Amino acid sequence: MNRNEKPAKFTTKNFKTWQQKMLFYLTMLNMAKFLKDDPPIFREDEEDTITSFNIAEAWNNSNFLCRNYILNSLSDELYDVYSIKKRAEELWELLDHKYKRNS
């Protein structure tokens, strides 16, 4: 699989296979860490608020991309159900919880 080749859409069948292919794809895009990482937390009294803001914005942007890579690999029916999740980690865990047991 190369960078331009996306995994097939997930339609509730063969979840484990889709999950592994998706994980590999996200790893190639350097996005897999957003499946486990929480957003950065900063204290209000931090000295360098511009740097903190930039770090948070970069994390939010990358999380947005990762989340949408996952959503776009779901069938249209599943997209409608799972698009309410705002974080890639939440979306990934919900799919895992729902479909891993049934595979």
N, C-alpha and C. Protein backbone atom coordinates (compact mmCIF):
# COMPACT_ATOMS: atom_id res chain seq x y z
N MET A 1 0.86 -1.17 0.00
CA MET A 1 0.00 0.00 0.00
C MET A 1 0.90 1.24 0.00
N ASN A 2 0.67 2.13 -0.92
CA ASN A 2 1.43 3.38 -0.93
C ASN A 2 0.61 4.51 -0.33
N ARG A 3 1.22 5.66 -0.21
CA ARG A 3 0.57 6.81 0.44
C ARG A 3 -0.76 7.20 -0.21
N ASN A 4 -0.87 7.02 -1.49
CA ASN A 4 -2.08 7.43 -2.21
C ASN A 4 -3.16 6.35 -2.23
N GLU A 5 -2.81 5.18 -1.79
CA GLU A 5 -3.76 4.06 -1.81
C GLU A 5 -4.45 3.96 -0.45
N LYS A 6 -5.75 4.20 -0.45
CA LYS A 6 -6.52 4.17 0.80
C LYS A 6 -7.10 2.78 1.03
N PRO A 7 -7.30 2.41 2.29
CA PRO A 7 -7.98 1.13 2.57
C PRO A 7 -9.41 1.16 2.03
N ALA A 8 -9.93 -0.01 1.74
CA ALA A 8 -11.32 -0.12 1.27
C ALA A 8 -12.26 0.38 2.36
N LYS A 9 -13.43 0.80 1.97
CA LYS A 9 -14.42 1.30 2.93
C LYS A 9 -14.90 0.17 3.84
N PHE A 10 -15.08 0.51 5.10
CA PHE A 10 -15.58 -0.45 6.08
C PHE A 10 -17.10 -0.44 6.05
N THR A 11 -17.69 -1.65 5.94
CA THR A 11 -19.15 -1.77 5.85
C THR A 11 -19.71 -2.67 6.94
N THR A 12 -19.01 -2.88 8.01
CA THR A 12 -19.33 -3.74 9.17
C THR A 12 -18.83 -5.17 8.98
N LYS A 13 -18.23 -5.50 7.86
CA LYS A 13 -17.66 -6.84 7.66
C LYS A 13 -16.15 -6.75 7.68
N ASN A 14 -15.53 -7.79 8.22
CA ASN A 14 -14.06 -7.89 8.27
C ASN A 14 -13.41 -6.71 8.99
N PHE A 15 -13.92 -6.43 10.18
CA PHE A 15 -13.42 -5.28 10.93
C PHE A 15 -11.93 -5.38 11.22
N LYS A 16 -11.47 -6.53 11.68
CA LYS A 16 -10.05 -6.66 12.06
C LYS A 16 -9.14 -6.35 10.88
N THR A 17 -9.50 -6.84 9.71
CA THR A 17 -8.70 -6.57 8.51
C THR A 17 -8.71 -5.09 8.18
N TRP A 18 -9.89 -4.49 8.18
CA TRP A 18 -9.99 -3.05 7.90
C TRP A 18 -9.20 -2.25 8.93
N GLN A 19 -9.32 -2.62 10.20
CA GLN A 19 -8.65 -1.89 11.27
C GLN A 19 -7.13 -1.93 11.10
N GLN A 20 -6.59 -3.10 10.76
CA GLN A 20 -5.14 -3.20 10.56
C GLN A 20 -4.68 -2.39 9.36
N LYS A 21 -5.44 -2.45 8.28
CA LYS A 21 -5.08 -1.67 7.09
C LYS A 21 -5.18 -0.17 7.37
N MET A 22 -6.19 0.21 8.11
CA MET A 22 -6.37 1.63 8.45
C MET A 22 -5.25 2.10 9.37
N LEU A 23 -4.88 1.28 10.33
CA LEU A 23 -3.79 1.63 11.24
C LEU A 23 -2.48 1.80 10.46
N PHE A 24 -2.22 0.91 9.52
CA PHE A 24 -1.03 1.03 8.69
C PHE A 24 -1.07 2.32 7.86
N TYR A 25 -2.21 2.60 7.27
CA TYR A 25 -2.39 3.81 6.47
C TYR A 25 -2.16 5.07 7.31
N LEU A 26 -2.75 5.12 8.50
CA LEU A 26 -2.58 6.28 9.37
C LEU A 26 -1.13 6.40 9.85
N THR A 27 -0.47 5.28 10.05
CA THR A 27 0.94 5.29 10.44
C THR A 27 1.79 5.88 9.32
N MET A 28 1.50 5.50 8.08
CA MET A 28 2.24 6.06 6.94
C MET A 28 2.05 7.57 6.84
N LEU A 29 0.88 8.04 7.24
CA LEU A 29 0.59 9.48 7.20
C LEU A 29 1.04 10.20 8.47
N ASN A 30 1.66 9.46 9.38
CA ASN A 30 2.10 10.00 10.67
C ASN A 30 0.92 10.53 11.49
N MET A 31 -0.19 9.82 11.45
CA MET A 31 -1.41 10.23 12.15
C MET A 31 -1.83 9.23 13.23
N ALA A 32 -1.20 8.08 13.30
CA ALA A 32 -1.64 7.03 14.22
C ALA A 32 -1.58 7.47 15.68
N LYS A 33 -0.70 8.39 16.02
CA LYS A 33 -0.59 8.81 17.43
C LYS A 33 -1.87 9.47 17.93
N PHE A 34 -2.68 9.99 17.03
CA PHE A 34 -3.93 10.65 17.44
C PHE A 34 -5.02 9.65 17.82
N LEU A 35 -4.73 8.36 17.63
CA LEU A 35 -5.65 7.31 18.07
C LEU A 35 -5.47 7.02 19.55
N LYS A 36 -4.38 7.54 20.14
CA LYS A 36 -4.08 7.26 21.55
C LYS A 36 -3.83 8.51 22.38
N ASP A 37 -3.36 9.56 21.74
CA ASP A 37 -2.97 10.76 22.48
C ASP A 37 -4.16 11.65 22.83
N ASP A 38 -4.12 12.17 24.04
CA ASP A 38 -5.10 13.18 24.45
C ASP A 38 -4.62 14.54 23.96
N PRO A 39 -5.53 15.48 23.84
CA PRO A 39 -5.09 16.82 23.43
C PRO A 39 -4.16 17.43 24.48
N PRO A 40 -3.25 18.29 24.05
CA PRO A 40 -2.36 18.92 25.03
C PRO A 40 -3.16 19.82 25.97
N ILE A 41 -2.73 19.83 27.22
CA ILE A 41 -3.39 20.65 28.24
C ILE A 41 -2.38 21.68 28.72
N PHE A 42 -2.80 22.91 28.75
CA PHE A 42 -1.92 23.99 29.18
C PHE A 42 -2.57 24.75 30.32
N ARG A 43 -1.72 25.21 31.22
CA ARG A 43 -2.20 26.04 32.33
C ARG A 43 -2.35 27.47 31.85
N GLU A 44 -3.27 28.16 32.45
CA GLU A 44 -3.53 29.56 32.07
C GLU A 44 -2.34 30.46 32.40
N ASP A 45 -1.53 30.05 33.38
CA ASP A 45 -0.42 30.91 33.80
C ASP A 45 0.88 30.61 33.04
N GLU A 46 0.81 29.81 32.00
CA GLU A 46 2.04 29.51 31.26
C GLU A 46 2.58 30.77 30.61
N GLU A 47 3.89 30.88 30.63
CA GLU A 47 4.54 32.10 30.15
C GLU A 47 4.39 32.29 28.64
N ASP A 48 4.59 31.25 27.89
CA ASP A 48 4.58 31.38 26.43
C ASP A 48 3.23 30.94 25.87
N THR A 49 2.26 31.83 25.96
CA THR A 49 0.91 31.47 25.51
C THR A 49 0.82 31.32 24.00
N ILE A 50 1.65 32.03 23.26
CA ILE A 50 1.63 31.90 21.80
C ILE A 50 2.08 30.51 21.39
N THR A 51 3.16 30.03 22.00
CA THR A 51 3.63 28.68 21.70
C THR A 51 2.59 27.65 22.11
N SER A 52 2.00 27.82 23.27
CA SER A 52 0.96 26.90 23.74
C SER A 52 -0.22 26.89 22.77
N PHE A 53 -0.62 28.06 22.33
CA PHE A 53 -1.72 28.17 21.37
C PHE A 53 -1.37 27.47 20.06
N ASN A 54 -0.16 27.67 19.57
CA ASN A 54 0.27 27.04 18.32
C ASN A 54 0.32 25.52 18.44
N ILE A 55 0.77 25.03 19.58
CA ILE A 55 0.80 23.58 19.80
C ILE A 55 -0.61 23.02 19.81
N ALA A 56 -1.51 23.70 20.50
CA ALA A 56 -2.91 23.25 20.56
C ALA A 56 -3.56 23.29 19.18
N GLU A 57 -3.31 24.34 18.42
CA GLU A 57 -3.87 24.45 17.07
C GLU A 57 -3.33 23.36 16.16
N ALA A 58 -2.05 23.07 16.25
CA ALA A 58 -1.45 22.00 15.44
C ALA A 58 -2.07 20.66 15.80
N TRP A 59 -2.26 20.42 17.11
CA TRP A 59 -2.87 19.16 17.54
C TRP A 59 -4.31 19.07 17.02
N ASN A 60 -5.07 20.13 17.17
CA ASN A 60 -6.47 20.13 16.70
C ASN A 60 -6.56 19.89 15.20
N ASN A 61 -5.68 20.50 14.44
CA ASN A 61 -5.69 20.31 13.00
C ASN A 61 -5.35 18.87 12.63
N SER A 62 -4.34 18.31 13.26
CA SER A 62 -3.95 16.93 12.96
C SER A 62 -5.02 15.94 13.41
N ASN A 63 -5.64 16.20 14.55
CA ASN A 63 -6.74 15.35 15.00
C ASN A 63 -7.90 15.40 14.00
N PHE A 64 -8.20 16.60 13.50
CA PHE A 64 -9.25 16.77 12.49
C PHE A 64 -8.95 15.92 11.25
N LEU A 65 -7.71 15.97 10.79
CA LEU A 65 -7.33 15.19 9.62
C LEU A 65 -7.45 13.70 9.88
N CYS A 66 -6.92 13.25 11.01
CA CYS A 66 -6.97 11.83 11.36
C CYS A 66 -8.42 11.35 11.46
N ARG A 67 -9.23 12.09 12.15
CA ARG A 67 -10.65 11.75 12.31
C ARG A 67 -11.33 11.62 10.95
N ASN A 68 -11.04 12.55 10.06
CA ASN A 68 -11.68 12.52 8.75
C ASN A 68 -11.11 11.44 7.83
N TYR A 69 -9.86 11.07 7.99
CA TYR A 69 -9.34 9.91 7.26
C TYR A 69 -10.13 8.67 7.66
N ILE A 70 -10.39 8.53 8.95
CA ILE A 70 -11.16 7.37 9.42
C ILE A 70 -12.60 7.45 8.91
N LEU A 71 -13.25 8.58 9.10
CA LEU A 71 -14.64 8.73 8.66
C LEU A 71 -14.79 8.48 7.17
N ASN A 72 -13.85 8.95 6.38
CA ASN A 72 -13.94 8.77 4.93
C ASN A 72 -13.68 7.34 4.49
N SER A 73 -13.20 6.51 5.40
CA SER A 73 -13.01 5.10 5.07
C SER A 73 -14.19 4.25 5.54
N LEU A 74 -15.23 4.90 6.04
CA LEU A 74 -16.45 4.20 6.45
C LEU A 74 -17.50 4.29 5.34
N SER A 75 -18.38 3.31 5.31
CA SER A 75 -19.51 3.39 4.38
C SER A 75 -20.34 4.62 4.72
N ASP A 76 -21.16 5.07 3.79
CA ASP A 76 -21.98 6.26 4.02
C ASP A 76 -22.89 6.09 5.23
N GLU A 77 -23.43 4.91 5.40
CA GLU A 77 -24.33 4.65 6.53
C GLU A 77 -23.58 4.79 7.86
N LEU A 78 -22.37 4.24 7.92
CA LEU A 78 -21.58 4.33 9.14
C LEU A 78 -21.07 5.75 9.37
N TYR A 79 -20.73 6.43 8.30
CA TYR A 79 -20.28 7.82 8.40
C TYR A 79 -21.34 8.65 9.13
N ASP A 80 -22.58 8.49 8.73
CA ASP A 80 -23.66 9.26 9.35
C ASP A 80 -23.79 8.97 10.84
N VAL A 81 -23.54 7.74 11.23
CA VAL A 81 -23.66 7.35 12.64
C VAL A 81 -22.49 7.87 13.47
N TYR A 82 -21.26 7.75 12.95
CA TYR A 82 -20.07 8.02 13.75
C TYR A 82 -19.49 9.42 13.58
N SER A 83 -20.02 10.21 12.69
CA SER A 83 -19.45 11.55 12.47
C SER A 83 -19.67 12.50 13.64
N ILE A 84 -20.47 12.09 14.61
CA ILE A 84 -20.69 12.94 15.79
C ILE A 84 -19.47 13.00 16.70
N LYS A 85 -18.58 12.02 16.59
CA LYS A 85 -17.38 12.01 17.43
C LYS A 85 -16.40 13.06 16.94
N LYS A 86 -15.87 13.84 17.85
CA LYS A 86 -15.02 14.97 17.50
C LYS A 86 -13.53 14.66 17.59
N ARG A 87 -13.19 13.59 18.29
CA ARG A 87 -11.77 13.23 18.42
C ARG A 87 -11.53 11.89 17.75
N ALA A 88 -10.39 11.78 17.07
CA ALA A 88 -10.03 10.54 16.39
C ALA A 88 -9.97 9.38 17.38
N GLU A 89 -9.44 9.64 18.57
CA GLU A 89 -9.32 8.60 19.59
C GLU A 89 -10.69 8.05 19.98
N GLU A 90 -11.65 8.91 20.21
CA GLU A 90 -13.01 8.48 20.58
C GLU A 90 -13.65 7.66 19.46
N LEU A 91 -13.49 8.13 18.25
CA LEU A 91 -14.05 7.43 17.09
C LEU A 91 -13.45 6.05 16.95
N TRP A 92 -12.13 5.95 17.03
CA TRP A 92 -11.41 4.69 16.90
C TRP A 92 -11.84 3.70 17.98
N GLU A 93 -11.90 4.17 19.23
CA GLU A 93 -12.29 3.30 20.34
C GLU A 93 -13.74 2.84 20.22
N LEU A 94 -14.62 3.71 19.78
CA LEU A 94 -16.02 3.34 19.61
C LEU A 94 -16.18 2.27 18.53
N LEU A 95 -15.50 2.44 17.41
CA LEU A 95 -15.54 1.43 16.35
C LEU A 95 -14.97 0.11 16.85
N ASP A 96 -13.86 0.19 17.57
CA ASP A 96 -13.23 -1.01 18.11
C ASP A 96 -14.18 -1.74 19.05
N HIS A 97 -14.79 -1.00 19.94
CA HIS A 97 -15.71 -1.60 20.92
C HIS A 97 -16.91 -2.24 20.24
N LYS A 98 -17.44 -1.58 19.24
CA LYS A 98 -18.65 -2.05 18.56
C LYS A 98 -18.40 -3.25 17.66
N TYR A 99 -17.31 -3.23 16.88
CA TYR A 99 -17.14 -4.22 15.82
C TYR A 99 -16.09 -5.29 16.08
N LYS A 100 -15.15 -5.05 16.97
CA LYS A 100 -14.11 -6.04 17.20
C LYS A 100 -14.69 -7.32 17.79
N ARG A 101 -15.66 -7.17 18.64
CA ARG A 101 -16.28 -8.34 19.28
C ARG A 101 -17.09 -9.16 18.28
N ASN A 102 -17.61 -8.49 17.26
CA ASN A 102 -18.47 -9.17 16.29
C ASN A 102 -17.70 -9.75 15.11
N SER A 103 -16.39 -9.51 15.06
CA SER A 103 -15.61 -10.01 13.92
C SER A 103 -15.23 -11.45 14.09
